[in-house]
Protein backbone atom coordinates (compact mmCIF):
# COMPACT_ATOMS: atom_id res chain seq x y z
CA MET A 1 0.00 0.00 0.00
CA ASP A 2 1.19 3.55 -0.82
CA ILE A 3 2.19 5.14 2.48
CA GLU A 4 0.81 8.53 1.40
CA LYS A 5 -2.65 6.96 1.36
CA LEU A 6 -2.38 5.62 4.89
CA PRO A 7 -3.99 7.54 7.74
CA PRO A 8 -1.67 9.38 10.14
CA ILE A 9 -0.73 7.59 13.34
CA VAL A 10 -2.05 9.51 16.33
CA ILE A 11 -1.64 7.99 19.77
CA ASP A 12 -2.07 9.10 23.35
CA PRO A 13 0.89 7.71 25.34
CA LYS A 14 -1.30 7.59 28.45
CA THR A 15 -3.79 5.17 26.87
CA PHE A 16 -1.73 3.44 24.17
CA LEU A 17 -1.31 -0.29 24.96
CA ARG A 18 -4.00 0.09 27.63
CA GLU A 19 -7.20 1.04 25.80
CA HIS A 20 -7.37 1.40 22.00
CA CYS A 21 -4.32 -0.82 21.34
CA THR A 22 -4.23 -3.29 24.19
CA LEU A 23 -1.79 -5.96 25.25
CA PRO A 24 -2.23 -8.70 27.84
CA ALA A 25 -0.07 -8.87 30.93
CA LEU A 26 3.18 -10.77 30.69
CA PRO A 27 2.82 -14.52 31.40
CA GLU A 28 2.51 -15.59 35.03
CA VAL A 29 5.82 -17.44 34.77
CA VAL A 30 7.64 -14.09 34.64
CA GLN A 31 6.19 -12.86 37.92
CA GLU A 32 6.54 -16.30 39.48
CA VAL A 33 10.23 -16.57 38.60
CA GLN A 34 10.87 -13.01 39.76
CA GLY A 35 9.03 -13.67 43.03
CA ILE A 36 11.01 -16.83 43.75
CA ILE A 37 14.35 -15.16 43.02
CA GLN A 38 13.51 -12.19 45.24
CA SER A 39 12.37 -14.40 48.13
CA GLU A 40 14.59 -15.29 51.07
CA ASP A 41 14.42 -19.05 50.44
CA VAL A 42 15.26 -18.96 46.72
CA GLU A 43 15.90 -22.42 45.28
CA ILE A 44 16.99 -23.49 41.81
CA ALA A 45 14.45 -26.32 41.92
CA LYS A 46 11.55 -23.90 42.40
CA VAL A 47 12.63 -21.71 39.50
CA SER A 48 13.10 -24.77 37.31
CA GLN A 49 9.66 -26.10 38.20
CA ALA A 50 8.00 -22.77 37.43
CA ILE A 51 9.63 -22.56 34.00
CA SER A 52 9.08 -26.24 33.19
CA ARG A 53 5.30 -25.81 33.23
CA ASP A 54 5.71 -24.13 29.83
CA PRO A 55 7.43 -26.67 27.53
CA ALA A 56 7.60 -24.22 24.60
CA LEU A 57 9.40 -21.67 26.78
CA VAL A 58 11.78 -24.35 28.03
CA ALA A 59 12.71 -25.24 24.45
CA GLN A 60 13.37 -21.59 23.63
CA ILE A 61 15.48 -21.08 26.75
CA LEU A 62 17.66 -24.09 25.99
CA LYS A 63 18.26 -22.90 22.42
CA VAL A 64 19.33 -19.51 23.72
CA VAL A 65 21.51 -20.99 26.45
CA ASN A 66 23.23 -23.27 23.95
CA SER A 67 23.80 -20.45 21.47
CA ALA A 68 27.09 -18.85 20.51
CA TYR A 69 26.36 -15.94 22.83
CA TYR A 70 27.06 -18.01 25.93
CA SER A 71 29.51 -20.52 24.45
CA LEU A 72 29.06 -22.95 27.33
CA PRO A 73 31.56 -25.83 27.57
CA ARG A 74 28.90 -28.46 26.83
CA GLU A 75 25.36 -28.64 25.56
CA ILE A 76 22.68 -28.06 28.19
CA ALA A 77 19.53 -30.18 27.98
CA ASP A 78 17.89 -29.32 31.30
CA VAL A 79 16.77 -25.96 32.70
CA ARG A 80 18.26 -26.83 36.09
CA TYR A 81 21.72 -27.10 34.55
CA ALA A 82 21.15 -23.90 32.59
CA ILE A 83 20.46 -22.12 35.87
CA ALA A 84 23.55 -23.69 37.44
CA PHE A 85 25.78 -22.50 34.58
CA LEU A 86 24.33 -19.01 34.04
CA GLY A 87 22.83 -18.15 37.40
CA LEU A 88 19.33 -17.29 38.52
CA HIS A 89 19.36 -13.66 37.44
CA GLU A 90 20.49 -14.41 33.90
CA ILE A 91 17.80 -17.07 33.49
CA GLU A 92 15.32 -14.50 34.80
CA ARG A 93 16.47 -12.05 32.10
CA ILE A 94 16.17 -14.71 29.39
CA VAL A 95 12.67 -15.66 30.56
CA LEU A 96 11.66 -11.99 30.54
CA ALA A 97 13.04 -11.29 27.06
CA LEU A 98 11.47 -14.38 25.52
CA SER A 99 8.13 -13.68 27.23
CA VAL A 100 8.06 -10.11 25.92
CA ILE A 101 8.56 -11.28 22.34
CA ASN A 102 6.13 -14.20 22.69
CA THR A 103 3.38 -12.12 24.33
CA LEU A 104 3.36 -9.62 21.46
CA ALA A 105 2.19 -12.58 19.35
CA VAL A 106 3.14 -11.09 16.00
CA PRO A 107 1.40 -13.18 13.30
CA ASP A 108 3.87 -12.38 10.49
CA LYS A 109 6.39 -15.20 10.98
CA ASN A 110 8.78 -13.91 8.32
CA GLU A 111 9.06 -10.49 9.95
CA LEU A 112 9.41 -12.14 13.35
CA LYS A 113 12.29 -14.22 12.01
CA LEU A 114 13.97 -11.09 10.65
CA PHE A 115 13.54 -9.46 14.05
CA TRP A 116 15.14 -12.45 15.81
CA HIS A 117 18.06 -12.53 13.39
CA HIS A 118 18.81 -8.82 13.69
CA SER A 119 18.40 -8.83 17.47
CA PHE A 120 20.58 -11.86 18.06
CA LEU A 121 23.24 -10.51 15.71
CA ALA A 122 23.16 -7.20 17.57
CA ALA A 123 23.57 -9.09 20.84
CA LEU A 124 26.57 -11.03 19.52
CA CYS A 125 28.16 -7.85 18.16
CA THR A 126 27.50 -5.91 21.35
CA LYS A 127 29.13 -8.58 23.50
CA HIS A 128 32.08 -8.83 21.09
CA LEU A 129 32.69 -5.08 21.20
CA ALA A 130 32.22 -4.93 24.96
CA SER A 131 34.77 -7.71 25.47
CA GLN A 132 37.34 -5.53 23.69
CA TYR A 133 36.36 -2.02 24.72
CA GLU A 134 34.27 -2.32 27.91
CA PRO A 135 35.18 -5.67 29.55
CA ARG A 136 33.79 -4.61 32.92
CA LEU A 137 30.22 -4.40 31.65
CA SER A 138 27.81 -7.23 32.41
CA PHE A 139 27.63 -9.40 29.29
CA GLU A 140 24.51 -11.02 30.75
CA GLU A 141 22.63 -7.72 30.98
CA LEU A 142 23.84 -6.83 27.49
CA TRP A 143 22.04 -9.88 26.05
CA SER A 144 18.53 -8.90 27.13
CA ALA A 145 19.02 -5.21 26.30
CA ALA A 146 20.44 -5.96 22.84
CA MET A 147 17.77 -8.58 22.13
CA LEU A 148 14.96 -6.16 22.96
CA HIS A 149 16.41 -2.88 21.67
CA ASP A 150 14.21 -3.09 18.55
CA ILE A 151 11.08 -4.44 20.22
CA GLY A 152 9.21 -1.28 19.23
CA LYS A 153 9.21 -2.54 15.64
CA LEU A 154 7.10 -5.51 16.70
CA VAL A 155 4.67 -3.09 18.37
CA TYR A 156 4.57 -1.19 15.06
CA LEU A 157 3.98 -4.40 13.12
CA LYS A 158 1.27 -5.59 15.49
CA PHE A 159 -0.84 -2.44 15.66
CA PHE A 160 0.09 -0.57 12.46
CA PRO A 161 1.01 -3.34 10.01
CA ASP A 162 0.34 -1.34 6.82
CA HIS A 163 2.56 1.52 7.98
CA TYR A 164 5.24 -0.93 9.09
CA LYS A 165 5.31 -2.75 5.75
CA ALA A 166 5.38 0.53 3.82
CA ILE A 167 8.30 1.79 5.93
CA ARG A 168 10.11 -1.53 5.50
CA LYS A 169 9.59 -1.37 1.73
CA ILE A 170 10.96 2.16 1.43
CA SER A 171 13.87 1.29 3.69
CA ALA A 172 14.82 -1.68 1.51
CA GLU A 173 14.41 0.24 -1.75
CA ARG A 174 16.55 3.17 -0.64
CA GLY A 175 19.09 1.19 1.40
CA ILE A 176 18.53 3.28 4.51
CA PHE A 177 17.49 2.55 8.06
CA PHE A 178 13.90 1.96 9.14
CA SER A 179 14.37 4.90 11.52
CA ASP A 180 15.46 7.14 8.62
CA VAL A 181 12.13 6.52 6.88
CA GLU A 182 10.17 7.12 10.09
CA ARG A 183 11.92 10.45 10.49
CA ASP A 184 11.55 11.47 6.83
CA LEU A 185 7.82 10.73 6.88
CA LYS A 186 7.31 12.26 10.35
CA LEU A 187 5.89 9.02 11.71
CA PRO A 188 6.22 7.88 15.33
CA ALA A 189 9.57 6.24 15.97
CA SER A 190 9.62 2.52 16.66
CA GLY A 191 12.04 3.33 19.50
CA TYR A 192 9.30 5.43 21.06
CA PHE A 193 6.91 2.48 20.84
CA GLY A 194 9.57 0.38 22.53
CA VAL A 195 9.81 2.85 25.40
CA LEU A 196 6.02 2.85 25.83
CA LEU A 197 6.08 -0.95 25.91
CA CYS A 198 8.83 -0.93 28.55
CA ASP A 199 6.80 1.47 30.68
CA HIS A 200 3.63 -0.58 30.20
CA TRP A 201 5.28 -3.83 31.31
CA ARG A 202 7.74 -2.19 33.71
CA LEU A 203 10.75 -3.68 32.03
CA PRO A 204 14.25 -3.04 33.43
CA ALA A 205 15.77 0.40 32.94
CA LYS A 206 18.61 -0.88 30.75
CA ILE A 207 16.16 -2.43 28.30
CA ARG A 208 14.22 0.84 28.21
CA ASP A 209 17.43 2.74 27.58
CA ALA A 210 18.30 0.39 24.71
CA CYS A 211 14.88 0.96 23.12
CA GLU A 212 15.17 4.72 23.51
CA ALA A 213 18.68 5.05 22.08
CA HIS A 214 20.38 2.48 19.85
CA SER A 215 21.53 4.35 16.74
CA LEU A 216 24.78 6.11 15.89
CA GLN A 217 22.86 9.40 15.99
CA ASP A 218 21.89 8.60 19.56
CA LEU A 219 25.50 7.70 20.28
CA GLN A 220 26.61 11.30 19.84
CA ALA A 221 24.45 12.41 22.76
CA ILE A 222 25.48 9.62 25.16
CA LYS A 223 27.76 10.63 28.01
CA THR A 224 30.22 7.84 28.81
CA GLY A 225 31.39 9.05 32.20
CA ASP A 226 29.55 6.25 33.99
CA ALA A 227 28.73 2.58 33.46
CA ALA A 228 25.20 3.35 32.26
CA GLY A 229 26.52 5.56 29.47
CA ARG A 230 29.13 3.01 28.45
CA PHE A 231 26.41 0.34 28.39
CA LYS A 232 24.27 2.44 26.03
CA ARG A 233 27.32 3.11 23.87
CA MET A 234 27.95 -0.60 23.35
CA ILE A 235 24.31 -1.20 22.41
CA CYS A 236 24.48 1.55 19.78
CA LEU A 237 27.75 0.27 18.34
CA GLY A 238 26.69 -3.39 18.40
CA ASN A 239 23.55 -2.50 16.48
CA ALA A 240 25.54 -0.41 13.98
CA VAL A 241 28.20 -3.00 13.12
CA GLY A 242 25.53 -5.69 12.86
CA MET A 243 23.51 -3.62 10.40
CA LEU A 244 26.64 -2.77 8.41
CA SER A 245 27.45 -6.47 7.98
CA LEU A 246 24.07 -7.26 6.39
CA ASN A 247 24.84 -5.41 3.14
CA SER A 248 21.34 -3.94 2.99
CA LEU A 249 22.48 -0.30 3.08
CA ASN A 250 23.36 1.95 0.17
CA GLU A 251 26.98 3.03 -0.26
CA VAL A 252 26.44 6.50 1.18
CA LYS A 253 24.84 5.05 4.29
CA LYS A 254 27.55 2.40 4.64
CA THR A 255 30.24 5.07 4.50
CA GLU A 256 28.40 7.21 7.04
CA ILE A 257 28.02 4.31 9.48
CA ALA A 258 31.59 3.09 8.98
CA ARG A 259 32.99 6.54 9.74
CA GLY A 260 30.74 6.86 12.76
CA ILE A 261 31.93 3.54 14.15
CA GLN A 262 35.60 4.39 13.54
CA THR A 263 35.19 7.75 15.25
CA ALA A 264 33.39 6.27 18.25
CA LEU A 265 35.93 3.48 18.71
CA LYS A 266 38.91 5.66 17.76
CA CYS A 267 40.21 2.95 15.44
CA ASP A 268 42.09 3.27 12.16
CA GLU A 269 41.07 1.70 8.85
CA THR A 270 43.07 -1.49 9.43
CA ARG A 271 41.53 -2.13 12.84
CA PHE A 272 38.07 -1.33 11.50
CA LEU A 273 38.43 -3.83 8.64
CA THR A 274 39.63 -6.47 11.11
CA LEU A 275 36.62 -5.74 13.31
CA MET A 276 34.20 -6.10 10.40
CA ALA A 277 35.77 -9.43 9.43
CA GLU A 278 35.07 -10.59 12.98
CA VAL A 279 31.51 -9.28 12.70
CA TYR A 280 30.95 -11.26 9.47
CA ASP A 281 31.87 -14.39 11.43
CA LEU A 282 29.31 -13.38 14.06
CA ARG A 283 26.72 -12.98 11.31
CA MET A 284 27.28 -16.61 10.34
CA GLN A 285 26.79 -17.62 13.96
CA ALA A 286 23.54 -15.65 14.07
CA GLU A 287 22.33 -17.42 10.93
CA GLY A 288 23.20 -20.76 12.50
CA PHE A 289 21.22 -19.81 15.59
CA MET A 290 18.21 -18.94 13.45
CA GLU A 291 18.33 -22.33 11.73
CA GLN A 292 18.06 -24.00 15.14
CA PHE A 293 15.64 -21.52 16.61
CA GLY A 294 13.36 -21.92 13.65
């Protein structure tokens, strides 16, 4: 559909996701797991039992745990062992991230697959960059923030599918970012939808921050004097190098992003080319993950 023929998107942030565009609460397993972990008598067995009541969620968790992001020494086939290897809080973050994506219940499986691929690639790239430039950051917290940084696009797709598809089409034709088209057409930003979703479901602050700011343009405004700023910086850069590796951008945009990355990381051309070769390897790992995740 021609985007000029579509009605404007007008929302009230106070009622959006609550009245005219509604979403259910997150699954009970999220609150149950959080409650157990916050209790004084927290036990791995209780967390495992709560999760195990949802076999589909268990299967997803094990695929994530066994992915290249965690690179565990052996394959994990039981949630109890996953908890033992990664810890209660990381399993809680994985359960939360998966539940957010699942609860949105986006019917377009192809777009959902594209979302998963981009998000997992961004997570891999973010961790890779952090290991070299910010090794003191929590790689575990980076996973959930990177995985959900683009969740606003699924909100767009769910409630404004015609607008979403038109934006996606223009983005692909011009070789520019989805966010560039949103801005050019003066449409609500998907990042804004992500923030509203985080507020609606009271998601962690670092996930909200990732939704609010994950582009190189956002990077210029981030102050890196504290851990929170450095965390945001890695999300922005992980997203940027991941997008650059997909070869979906036009040459002008590629050059713009490449220069932005080099400036932010203060790296010369040789180091940048080495980094991108490493990122291409990560892209292959992301594609392998998608084949298993299905």
